[in-house]
Amino acid sequence: MNNTKAYDRGAIIFREGDPGDCMYELESGSVGVYHDYGGPKEKLITTLSNSASDVKVFGEMGLLENMPHFG
């Protein structure tokens, strides 16, 4: 099943520990990957974009390994 959804700037797509039951394809824009987002030890791990040299799919490891998402 293919569902397309647009997210507003600053929206949380998933949190660390959420079920890894789907993956995401980044069609435009960018996505920040954080550890402890909104917490006292918040840290930006990486930023994903849809440029030719960057990853366009994320969240796939949780889906493939049937594990929760992790940051």
N, C-alpha and C. Protein backbone atom coordinates (compact mmCIF):
# COMPACT_ATOMS: atom_id res chain seq x y z
N MET A 1 0.84 -1.17 0.00
CA MET A 1 0.00 0.00 0.00
C MET A 1 0.89 1.24 0.00
N ASN A 2 0.56 2.20 -0.79
CA ASN A 2 1.34 3.43 -0.91
C ASN A 2 0.49 4.60 -0.44
N ASN A 3 0.88 5.20 0.67
CA ASN A 3 0.18 6.38 1.20
C ASN A 3 1.11 7.57 1.14
N THR A 4 0.64 8.67 0.62
CA THR A 4 1.43 9.90 0.58
C THR A 4 0.88 10.85 1.63
N LYS A 5 1.79 11.42 2.42
CA LYS A 5 1.40 12.35 3.46
C LYS A 5 2.41 13.48 3.51
N ALA A 6 1.92 14.69 3.59
CA ALA A 6 2.79 15.86 3.75
C ALA A 6 2.85 16.21 5.23
N TYR A 7 4.03 16.57 5.70
CA TYR A 7 4.22 16.96 7.09
C TYR A 7 4.60 18.44 7.14
N ASP A 8 4.07 19.14 8.11
CA ASP A 8 4.43 20.53 8.33
C ASP A 8 5.83 20.62 8.92
N ARG A 9 6.48 21.75 8.72
CA ARG A 9 7.80 22.00 9.31
C ARG A 9 7.69 21.83 10.82
N GLY A 10 8.60 21.04 11.39
CA GLY A 10 8.62 20.80 12.83
C GLY A 10 7.77 19.64 13.29
N ALA A 11 7.02 19.02 12.38
CA ALA A 11 6.18 17.88 12.76
C ALA A 11 7.04 16.68 13.11
N ILE A 12 6.58 15.88 14.04
CA ILE A 12 7.28 14.65 14.41
C ILE A 12 6.69 13.52 13.58
N ILE A 13 7.55 12.85 12.82
CA ILE A 13 7.11 11.74 11.97
C ILE A 13 7.01 10.47 12.79
N PHE A 14 8.05 10.17 13.56
CA PHE A 14 7.99 9.09 14.55
C PHE A 14 9.04 9.38 15.61
N ARG A 15 8.85 8.76 16.77
CA ARG A 15 9.78 8.91 17.89
C ARG A 15 10.57 7.63 18.09
N GLU A 16 11.73 7.78 18.66
CA GLU A 16 12.54 6.63 19.04
C GLU A 16 11.69 5.70 19.91
N GLY A 17 11.66 4.44 19.57
CA GLY A 17 10.88 3.46 20.32
C GLY A 17 9.52 3.17 19.74
N ASP A 18 9.04 4.01 18.79
CA ASP A 18 7.77 3.72 18.13
C ASP A 18 7.90 2.43 17.32
N PRO A 19 6.79 1.72 17.11
CA PRO A 19 6.86 0.49 16.31
C PRO A 19 7.42 0.78 14.92
N GLY A 20 8.30 -0.09 14.45
CA GLY A 20 8.90 0.05 13.13
C GLY A 20 8.07 -0.69 12.10
N ASP A 21 6.83 -0.27 11.93
CA ASP A 21 5.91 -0.99 11.07
C ASP A 21 5.73 -0.37 9.68
N CYS A 22 6.56 0.62 9.36
CA CYS A 22 6.51 1.20 8.02
C CYS A 22 7.83 1.93 7.74
N MET A 23 8.03 2.27 6.48
CA MET A 23 9.19 3.07 6.10
C MET A 23 8.68 4.29 5.35
N TYR A 24 9.56 5.24 5.16
CA TYR A 24 9.18 6.52 4.57
C TYR A 24 10.09 6.85 3.39
N GLU A 25 9.52 7.45 2.36
CA GLU A 25 10.29 7.94 1.23
C GLU A 25 10.21 9.46 1.24
N LEU A 26 11.34 10.09 1.21
CA LEU A 26 11.41 11.54 1.24
C LEU A 26 11.35 12.06 -0.19
N GLU A 27 10.24 12.67 -0.56
CA GLU A 27 10.05 13.17 -1.92
C GLU A 27 10.58 14.59 -2.08
N SER A 28 10.48 15.39 -1.03
CA SER A 28 11.00 16.76 -1.08
C SER A 28 11.27 17.23 0.34
N GLY A 29 12.07 18.28 0.45
CA GLY A 29 12.38 18.83 1.76
C GLY A 29 13.49 18.08 2.46
N SER A 30 13.48 18.16 3.78
CA SER A 30 14.50 17.48 4.58
C SER A 30 13.89 17.03 5.89
N VAL A 31 14.57 16.08 6.54
CA VAL A 31 14.13 15.51 7.81
C VAL A 31 15.31 15.48 8.76
N GLY A 32 15.12 16.01 9.95
CA GLY A 32 16.13 15.93 10.99
C GLY A 32 15.92 14.67 11.81
N VAL A 33 17.02 13.97 12.12
CA VAL A 33 16.97 12.78 12.97
C VAL A 33 17.62 13.17 14.30
N TYR A 34 16.83 13.08 15.36
CA TYR A 34 17.27 13.53 16.68
C TYR A 34 17.28 12.40 17.69
N HIS A 35 18.12 12.55 18.70
CA HIS A 35 18.06 11.71 19.89
C HIS A 35 17.50 12.58 21.00
N ASP A 36 16.53 12.09 21.77
CA ASP A 36 15.92 12.81 22.89
C ASP A 36 15.29 14.12 22.44
N TYR A 37 14.58 14.11 21.31
CA TYR A 37 13.97 15.33 20.76
C TYR A 37 13.05 15.98 21.79
N GLY A 38 13.27 17.25 22.03
CA GLY A 38 12.46 17.99 22.99
C GLY A 38 12.86 17.78 24.43
N GLY A 39 13.86 16.92 24.65
CA GLY A 39 14.33 16.64 26.01
C GLY A 39 15.56 17.45 26.35
N PRO A 40 16.04 17.31 27.55
CA PRO A 40 17.19 18.10 27.99
C PRO A 40 18.51 17.74 27.28
N LYS A 41 18.57 16.55 26.72
CA LYS A 41 19.80 16.11 26.04
C LYS A 41 19.57 15.99 24.53
N GLU A 42 18.65 16.81 23.98
CA GLU A 42 18.34 16.76 22.55
C GLU A 42 19.62 16.92 21.74
N LYS A 43 19.76 16.05 20.73
CA LYS A 43 20.94 16.11 19.87
C LYS A 43 20.53 15.76 18.44
N LEU A 44 20.91 16.63 17.50
CA LEU A 44 20.68 16.35 16.09
C LEU A 44 21.70 15.33 15.63
N ILE A 45 21.25 14.18 15.15
CA ILE A 45 22.15 13.12 14.69
C ILE A 45 22.54 13.35 13.24
N THR A 46 21.54 13.61 12.40
CA THR A 46 21.79 13.85 10.98
C THR A 46 20.57 14.52 10.36
N THR A 47 20.76 15.06 9.19
CA THR A 47 19.66 15.62 8.41
C THR A 47 19.61 14.87 7.08
N LEU A 48 18.44 14.36 6.75
CA LEU A 48 18.24 13.65 5.49
C LEU A 48 17.56 14.58 4.50
N SER A 49 17.96 14.49 3.25
CA SER A 49 17.30 15.27 2.20
C SER A 49 17.13 14.38 0.98
N ASN A 50 16.49 14.88 -0.03
CA ASN A 50 16.29 14.07 -1.24
C ASN A 50 17.27 14.44 -2.34
N SER A 51 18.44 14.93 -1.96
CA SER A 51 19.46 15.25 -2.98
C SER A 51 20.01 13.95 -3.57
N ALA A 52 20.67 14.07 -4.69
CA ALA A 52 21.20 12.89 -5.39
C ALA A 52 22.17 12.09 -4.54
N SER A 53 22.85 12.75 -3.60
CA SER A 53 23.87 12.05 -2.81
C SER A 53 23.37 11.63 -1.43
N ASP A 54 22.11 11.83 -1.12
CA ASP A 54 21.61 11.53 0.22
C ASP A 54 20.55 10.43 0.17
N VAL A 55 20.22 9.92 1.34
CA VAL A 55 19.22 8.88 1.51
C VAL A 55 17.83 9.44 1.22
N LYS A 56 17.03 8.71 0.49
CA LYS A 56 15.67 9.13 0.20
C LYS A 56 14.64 8.29 0.95
N VAL A 57 15.08 7.21 1.58
CA VAL A 57 14.21 6.31 2.32
C VAL A 57 14.73 6.23 3.74
N PHE A 58 13.81 6.26 4.72
CA PHE A 58 14.23 6.09 6.11
C PHE A 58 13.16 5.32 6.87
N GLY A 59 13.54 4.75 8.00
CA GLY A 59 12.63 3.94 8.80
C GLY A 59 12.57 2.50 8.36
N GLU A 60 13.34 2.16 7.35
CA GLU A 60 13.25 0.81 6.77
C GLU A 60 13.83 -0.27 7.66
N MET A 61 14.81 0.06 8.49
CA MET A 61 15.44 -0.97 9.33
C MET A 61 14.45 -1.54 10.34
N GLY A 62 13.64 -0.70 10.93
CA GLY A 62 12.62 -1.18 11.86
C GLY A 62 11.63 -2.11 11.17
N LEU A 63 11.27 -1.77 9.95
CA LEU A 63 10.34 -2.60 9.18
C LEU A 63 10.98 -3.94 8.83
N LEU A 64 12.20 -3.91 8.33
CA LEU A 64 12.88 -5.13 7.90
C LEU A 64 13.23 -6.04 9.08
N GLU A 65 13.59 -5.45 10.21
CA GLU A 65 14.01 -6.23 11.38
C GLU A 65 12.90 -6.43 12.40
N ASN A 66 11.69 -5.92 12.10
CA ASN A 66 10.57 -6.00 13.02
C ASN A 66 10.95 -5.50 14.41
N MET A 67 11.58 -4.33 14.43
CA MET A 67 12.06 -3.73 15.67
C MET A 67 11.53 -2.30 15.76
N PRO A 68 11.50 -1.72 16.96
CA PRO A 68 11.10 -0.33 17.09
C PRO A 68 12.10 0.59 16.42
N HIS A 69 11.67 1.80 16.06
CA HIS A 69 12.57 2.80 15.50
C HIS A 69 13.57 3.22 16.58
N PHE A 70 14.78 3.52 16.16
CA PHE A 70 15.77 4.03 17.10
C PHE A 70 16.51 5.17 16.48
N GLY A 71 17.05 6.06 17.32
CA GLY A 71 17.76 7.23 16.84
C GLY A 71 19.23 7.13 17.08
